[in-house]
Protein backbone atom coordinates (compact mmCIF):
# COMPACT_ATOMS: atom_id res chain seq x y z
CA MET A 1 -10.85 20.70 -16.99
CA THR A 2 -7.15 20.71 -16.75
CA ASN A 3 -4.53 21.48 -19.43
CA SER A 4 -1.92 19.69 -18.41
CA THR A 5 -1.14 16.31 -19.76
CA ILE A 6 -1.91 13.17 -17.58
CA ALA A 7 -0.58 9.64 -18.15
CA ALA A 8 -0.89 6.47 -16.18
CA VAL A 9 1.04 3.61 -14.96
CA ILE A 10 -0.53 0.01 -14.08
CA ILE A 11 1.23 -2.58 -12.48
CA GLY A 12 0.15 -6.11 -12.22
CA ARG A 13 0.50 -9.90 -12.39
CA ASN A 14 -2.07 -12.31 -13.19
CA GLU A 15 -4.82 -10.03 -12.57
CA GLY A 16 -7.15 -11.43 -15.46
CA LEU A 17 -10.51 -9.65 -15.61
CA ARG A 18 -9.47 -6.94 -13.39
CA LEU A 19 -6.91 -5.61 -15.58
CA VAL A 20 -9.17 -5.35 -18.07
CA ASN A 21 -11.43 -3.56 -16.08
CA CYS A 22 -8.48 -1.18 -14.87
CA LEU A 23 -7.38 -0.15 -18.07
CA ALA A 24 -11.09 0.26 -19.30
CA SER A 25 -11.53 2.93 -16.29
CA MET A 26 -8.81 5.02 -17.67
CA GLN A 27 -9.92 5.56 -21.44
CA GLY A 28 -10.50 8.93 -22.44
CA GLU A 29 -8.75 10.93 -19.43
CA ALA A 30 -5.05 9.35 -19.69
CA SER A 31 -3.28 10.25 -22.82
CA ARG A 32 -0.97 7.26 -22.24
CA ILE A 33 -1.14 4.04 -20.32
CA VAL A 34 1.87 1.75 -19.60
CA TYR A 35 0.96 -1.73 -18.14
CA VAL A 36 3.94 -3.24 -16.37
CA ASP A 37 3.95 -7.09 -16.30
CA SER A 38 5.74 -8.99 -13.52
CA GLY A 39 5.64 -12.71 -14.98
CA SER A 40 2.08 -13.20 -15.87
CA THR A 41 0.99 -16.56 -17.12
CA ASP A 42 -2.50 -15.72 -17.77
CA GLY A 43 -2.72 -13.47 -20.87
CA SER A 44 -2.58 -10.29 -19.14
CA VAL A 45 -0.10 -9.20 -21.59
CA GLU A 46 -2.10 -9.69 -24.42
CA ALA A 47 -5.19 -8.19 -22.89
CA ALA A 48 -3.41 -4.90 -22.26
CA ARG A 49 -1.97 -4.69 -25.61
CA ALA A 50 -5.65 -5.21 -27.05
CA ALA A 51 -6.65 -2.37 -25.04
CA GLY A 52 -4.16 0.01 -26.44
CA ALA A 53 -1.60 0.26 -23.44
CA GLU A 54 2.05 0.42 -23.96
CA VAL A 55 3.60 -2.80 -22.44
CA VAL A 56 6.84 -3.43 -20.29
CA ILE A 57 7.65 -7.09 -19.08
CA LEU A 58 10.04 -7.11 -16.28
CA ASP A 59 13.16 -9.11 -16.57
CA THR A 60 13.05 -12.03 -14.61
CA ALA A 61 16.63 -12.44 -13.36
CA THR A 62 15.60 -9.67 -10.89
CA PRO A 63 13.40 -10.39 -8.13
CA PHE A 64 10.15 -8.25 -8.51
CA THR A 65 9.07 -5.39 -6.48
CA ALA A 66 6.25 -2.94 -6.99
CA ALA A 67 9.03 -0.09 -6.80
CA ARG A 68 10.75 -1.62 -9.32
CA ALA A 69 7.65 -2.24 -11.68
CA ARG A 70 6.39 1.38 -11.05
CA ASN A 71 10.07 2.39 -11.92
CA ALA A 72 9.82 0.73 -15.28
CA GLY A 73 6.53 2.32 -16.42
CA PHE A 74 7.58 5.77 -15.62
CA ASP A 75 11.15 5.34 -17.22
CA ALA A 76 8.81 4.18 -20.41
CA LEU A 77 6.56 7.07 -20.34
CA VAL A 78 9.53 9.93 -20.07
CA SER A 79 11.31 8.15 -22.84
CA GLY A 80 9.04 9.84 -25.27
CA ASP A 81 9.20 13.25 -27.10
CA MET A 82 6.49 14.50 -24.67
CA PRO A 83 6.60 13.44 -21.33
CA PRO A 84 3.66 13.98 -19.22
CA ASP A 85 2.91 16.75 -16.45
CA TYR A 86 1.50 14.33 -13.93
CA VAL A 87 1.57 10.40 -13.78
CA GLN A 88 -1.05 8.31 -12.13
CA PHE A 89 0.18 5.25 -10.41
CA VAL A 90 -2.19 2.16 -9.95
CA ASP A 91 -2.46 -1.45 -9.28
CA GLY A 92 -3.75 -3.86 -11.97
CA ASP A 93 -6.82 -5.00 -9.47
CA CYS A 94 -8.16 -1.41 -9.31
CA THR A 95 -10.27 0.45 -11.11
CA LEU A 96 -10.43 4.27 -11.20
CA GLU A 97 -13.52 6.34 -10.19
CA PRO A 98 -14.79 8.06 -13.36
CA GLY A 99 -13.46 11.74 -13.39
CA TRP A 100 -10.50 11.09 -10.71
CA LEU A 101 -7.77 11.70 -13.31
CA THR A 102 -9.03 15.29 -14.11
CA HIS A 103 -10.04 16.23 -10.52
CA ALA A 104 -6.44 15.14 -9.22
CA ALA A 105 -4.79 17.13 -12.38
CA ARG A 106 -6.65 20.02 -11.41
CA ALA A 107 -5.75 20.07 -7.81
CA LEU A 108 -2.05 19.84 -8.72
CA ASP A 109 -2.55 22.53 -11.43
CA GLU A 110 -4.02 24.92 -8.49
CA THR A 111 -1.56 23.78 -5.79
CA PRO A 112 2.25 24.16 -6.79
CA ASP A 113 3.52 22.92 -3.51
CA ILE A 114 1.53 19.37 -3.63
CA GLY A 115 3.61 16.96 -5.15
CA ILE A 116 1.30 13.78 -4.39
CA ILE A 117 -2.58 13.88 -4.72
CA THR A 118 -4.61 10.79 -3.45
CA GLY A 119 -8.16 9.94 -2.63
CA TRP A 120 -10.20 7.59 -1.28
CA ARG A 121 -9.94 3.78 -2.16
CA SER A 122 -12.77 1.65 -1.60
CA GLU A 123 -13.01 -2.24 -1.64
CA ILE A 124 -15.35 -3.61 -4.15
CA HIS A 125 -16.22 -6.77 -2.09
CA PRO A 126 -15.91 -5.59 1.59
CA LYS A 127 -18.70 -8.37 2.63
CA ALA A 128 -17.12 -11.24 0.82
CA SER A 129 -14.72 -11.48 4.19
CA VAL A 130 -13.62 -9.93 7.31
CA TYR A 131 -10.37 -9.31 5.80
CA ASN A 132 -11.87 -7.67 2.32
CA ALA A 133 -13.91 -5.52 5.31
CA MET A 134 -10.89 -4.74 7.12
CA CYS A 135 -9.32 -3.39 3.91
CA ASP A 136 -11.85 -0.99 2.86
CA PHE A 137 -11.89 0.42 6.60
CA GLU A 138 -8.09 0.96 6.43
CA TRP A 139 -8.30 2.77 3.36
CA HIS A 140 -10.91 5.03 3.99
CA ARG A 141 -8.80 7.92 5.93
CA PRO A 142 -9.43 11.58 6.86
CA ALA A 143 -8.77 14.09 3.77
CA GLY A 144 -6.61 16.82 3.93
CA ASP A 145 -2.68 16.88 4.15
CA ILE A 146 -1.43 13.10 5.18
CA GLU A 147 1.82 11.81 6.30
CA ALA A 148 1.93 9.03 3.40
CA CYS A 149 -0.54 7.14 1.17
CA GLY A 150 -0.58 4.06 -0.88
CA GLY A 151 0.39 3.32 -4.21
CA ASP A 152 -2.59 4.70 -5.84
CA MET A 153 -1.41 8.16 -6.18
CA MET A 154 -0.78 11.10 -8.76
CA VAL A 155 2.55 12.41 -8.95
CA ARG A 156 4.13 14.92 -10.59
CA ARG A 157 6.21 13.84 -13.38
CA ALA A 158 9.33 16.27 -12.66
CA LEU A 159 9.56 15.71 -8.73
CA PHE A 160 9.41 12.12 -9.31
CA ALA A 161 12.25 12.01 -11.66
CA GLN A 162 13.99 14.52 -9.22
CA LEU A 163 13.67 12.02 -6.44
CA GLY A 164 14.99 8.98 -8.50
CA GLY A 165 11.21 7.64 -8.23
CA PHE A 166 10.48 4.64 -5.67
CA ASN A 167 13.23 2.60 -3.77
CA PRO A 168 13.22 -0.52 -5.92
CA GLN A 169 14.90 -2.69 -2.78
CA VAL A 170 11.72 -1.67 -0.86
CA ILE A 171 9.30 -4.52 -1.04
CA ALA A 172 6.51 -3.24 1.12
CA ALA A 173 5.49 0.14 1.97
CA GLU A 174 7.66 1.66 -1.12
CA ASP A 175 4.88 4.14 -1.27
CA ASP A 176 5.36 5.20 2.48
CA GLU A 177 8.95 5.53 1.72
CA PHE A 178 8.40 7.63 -1.38
CA CYS A 179 6.01 9.96 0.35
CA VAL A 180 8.55 10.43 3.23
CA ARG A 181 11.05 11.94 0.59
CA VAL A 182 8.61 13.98 -1.16
CA ARG A 183 7.93 15.63 2.13
CA LYS A 184 11.36 15.79 2.87
CA ALA A 185 11.78 17.65 -0.24
CA GLY A 186 9.33 20.40 0.71
CA GLN A 187 6.18 18.78 -1.05
CA ARG A 188 2.85 18.17 0.29
CA VAL A 189 1.29 14.57 0.30
CA HIS A 190 -2.69 15.54 -0.10
CA ARG A 191 -5.79 13.42 -0.05
CA LEU A 192 -8.82 14.86 -1.58
CA PRO A 193 -12.06 13.62 -0.16
CA ILE A 194 -13.31 12.21 -3.23
CA PRO A 195 -13.43 8.34 -4.35
CA MET A 196 -10.64 7.25 -6.04
CA THR A 197 -10.04 3.57 -6.98
CA HIS A 198 -12.19 0.49 -6.43
CA HIS A 199 -10.05 -2.16 -5.29
CA ASP A 200 -10.68 -6.11 -5.41
CA ALA A 201 -8.43 -7.42 -2.58
CA ALA A 202 -10.17 -11.01 -2.88
CA MET A 203 -8.73 -11.76 0.26
CA THR A 204 -10.70 -14.67 1.78
CA ARG A 205 -8.58 -16.91 3.38
CA PHE A 206 -6.73 -16.63 6.89
CA SER A 207 -3.49 -17.25 5.26
CA GLN A 208 -3.68 -14.76 3.03
CA TRP A 209 -4.27 -12.20 5.55
CA TRP A 210 -1.27 -13.70 7.27
CA GLN A 211 1.06 -13.25 4.56
CA ARG A 212 -0.03 -9.63 3.89
CA ALA A 213 0.60 -8.66 8.02
CA ILE A 214 3.94 -10.49 7.57
CA ARG A 215 4.58 -8.19 4.33
CA SER A 216 3.40 -5.06 6.18
CA GLY A 217 5.88 -5.62 9.58
CA HIS A 218 8.53 -6.03 6.98
CA GLY A 219 7.85 -2.36 5.44
CA PHE A 220 7.77 -1.43 9.00
CA ALA A 221 11.24 -2.48 9.49
CA GLN A 222 12.56 -1.59 6.05
CA VAL A 223 11.34 1.73 5.94
CA GLY A 224 11.88 2.25 9.44
CA ASP A 225 15.22 1.60 8.88
CA LEU A 226 15.67 4.17 6.03
CA HIS A 227 13.85 6.89 7.78
CA PRO A 228 13.47 6.41 11.41
CA SER A 229 11.10 8.68 12.22
CA HIS A 230 8.55 6.75 10.17
CA PHE A 231 6.38 3.88 11.64
CA VAL A 232 7.83 4.67 15.17
CA LYS A 233 4.24 3.95 16.78
CA GLU A 234 3.97 0.63 14.59
CA ARG A 235 7.18 -0.79 15.35
CA ARG A 236 6.76 -0.05 19.05
CA ARG A 237 3.34 -1.94 18.93
CA VAL A 238 4.77 -4.90 17.22
CA TRP A 239 7.61 -5.34 19.85
CA LEU A 240 5.55 -4.73 22.61
CA TYR A 241 2.39 -6.92 21.95
CA GLY A 242 4.05 -9.17 19.57
CA ALA A 243 7.48 -10.06 21.40
CA VAL A 244 7.85 -8.25 24.86
CA LEU A 245 4.30 -9.26 26.58
CA PRO A 246 4.30 -12.74 25.18
CA PHE A 247 7.97 -13.34 26.72
CA LEU A 248 6.73 -11.95 30.04
CA ALA A 249 3.51 -14.10 30.00
CA ILE A 250 5.73 -17.39 29.26
CA VAL A 251 7.72 -16.29 32.41
CA GLY A 252 4.69 -15.47 34.50
CA ALA A 253 3.35 -18.98 33.49
CA VAL A 254 6.52 -20.57 35.07
CA LEU A 255 7.40 -18.36 37.83
CA SER A 256 4.78 -16.06 38.72
CA TRP A 257 0.79 -16.11 38.14
CA PRO A 258 0.49 -12.36 39.18
CA LEU A 259 2.94 -11.44 36.05
CA LEU A 260 0.71 -13.70 33.76
CA LEU A 261 -2.33 -12.24 35.36
CA GLY A 262 -0.82 -8.80 34.60
CA VAL A 263 0.04 -9.38 31.07
CA LEU A 264 -3.63 -10.75 30.00
CA ALA A 265 -4.85 -7.61 31.79
CA LEU A 266 -2.81 -5.33 29.53
CA TYR A 267 -4.15 -7.56 26.20
CA THR A 268 -7.63 -7.25 27.62
CA VAL A 269 -7.32 -3.22 28.01
CA SER A 270 -5.48 -2.99 24.46
CA TYR A 271 -8.20 -5.04 22.77
CA ALA A 272 -11.29 -2.59 24.52
CA ARG A 273 -9.49 0.34 23.36
CA THR A 274 -9.29 -1.01 19.40
CA VAL A 275 -12.81 -1.86 19.68
CA ARG A 276 -13.99 1.37 20.90
CA GLY A 277 -12.04 3.33 18.25
CA LEU A 278 -13.29 1.36 15.54
CA MET A 279 -16.70 2.14 16.86
CA GLN A 280 -15.78 5.60 17.48
CA ALA A 281 -14.61 5.54 13.57
CA GLY A 282 -18.08 4.54 12.49
CA LEU A 283 -17.82 0.89 12.66
CA PRO A 284 -20.98 -1.38 14.61
CA LEU A 285 -20.21 -3.02 17.65
CA PHE A 286 -19.98 -6.78 16.00
CA GLU A 287 -17.64 -5.60 13.30
CA ALA A 288 -15.37 -3.59 15.69
CA ALA A 289 -15.08 -6.63 17.84
CA HIS A 290 -14.38 -8.72 14.91
CA GLN A 291 -12.09 -6.99 13.33
CA SER A 292 -10.35 -6.01 16.39
CA VAL A 293 -9.57 -9.87 17.14
CA PHE A 294 -7.18 -9.52 13.93
CA LEU A 295 -5.44 -6.43 14.68
CA PHE A 296 -4.75 -7.91 18.12
CA LEU A 297 -2.99 -11.05 16.17
CA SER A 298 -1.70 -9.20 13.33
CA LYS A 299 1.23 -8.25 15.83
CA PHE A 300 2.46 -11.50 15.77
CA PRO A 301 2.88 -12.21 11.72
CA ASN A 302 4.03 -8.52 11.91
CA LEU A 303 7.04 -9.08 14.08
CA ILE A 304 7.75 -12.37 11.71
CA GLY A 305 8.01 -9.50 9.13
CA LEU A 306 10.06 -7.01 11.07
CA SER A 307 12.62 -10.04 11.68
CA ARG A 308 12.54 -11.32 8.54
CA TYR A 309 13.85 -8.04 7.21
CA TRP A 310 16.68 -7.76 9.79
CA LYS A 311 17.76 -11.31 9.12
CA ARG A 312 18.00 -10.47 5.24
CA LYS A 313 19.91 -7.22 5.91
CA ARG A 314 22.23 -9.32 8.38
CA ARG A 315 22.97 -11.91 5.88
CA GLY A 316 22.91 -9.83 2.58
CA TRP A 317 20.15 -11.56 0.99
CA ASP A 318 18.08 -9.99 -1.57
CA MET A 319 14.87 -8.36 -0.02
CA GLU A 320 12.50 -10.54 -2.25
CA ILE A 321 8.61 -9.63 -2.70
CA ILE A 322 6.25 -11.37 -0.03
CA GLU A 323 3.12 -12.31 -2.08
CA TYR A 324 -0.23 -12.87 -0.42
CA LYS A 325 -2.40 -13.72 -3.28
């Protein structure tokens, strides 16, 4: 057990039954629940109120971002007389593992230099599509101290307030950006080796995956711009495999067949290494080969996302959210 108080912030938009399940999974462990809605039209606000959650509705005049929504939920939690010790952030398309809040709070109680605690997120329907399967594999990472985690996290309320919360201008990988600042403040980001949330990606179309990959590329660029030491390898891979090698392939096709063959050989070697790496991580050959195709292709939408960020910054445009479902 823990004597610390735990509250939760849920963010969502048109999550429907997934939100209802999310709210139900927290009953009995969270002392307060705040749901932040970003323009839903499906009755999500009414469902949250019916479940006993406090509701914050974001002003549509300002572009929606997950960071902005989470900050609004946090502000609502700390506006009362008894702010919680710890805050669990979770997306409305997830449900919490029973007992997670208690386990996470106990870990924070016992380890003062941990600022963020997280666990394993799993996909509810990993067999529904290769895209869902990729999400499920992506989220199951080694436990222990980590550089960053996703938006499902428990954070110390005082630390979150001290750092000013999430950066509302960051439209993708805002969780990574916050984790970087937590570590710079001398606190650890730690993953427990236990289930935390169950996610419903509901990603069944190539177009959804493509948009998600564009969003990731935007995050690589924006967070890398704010913190140059973060996402270094990711940005290098995108530029190499999404821009430099395709350019060399075009030059080779026009002027030099050996150059073209060299580029194709590099792509082949890279693909084979990806397949081998996924197999070493536990995937069967067919699944590893299938997912590697999309990991190979992802560099192109990633490049679009990187380019979109720099174009927006150069022209002074708003960093509007990139939705994929």
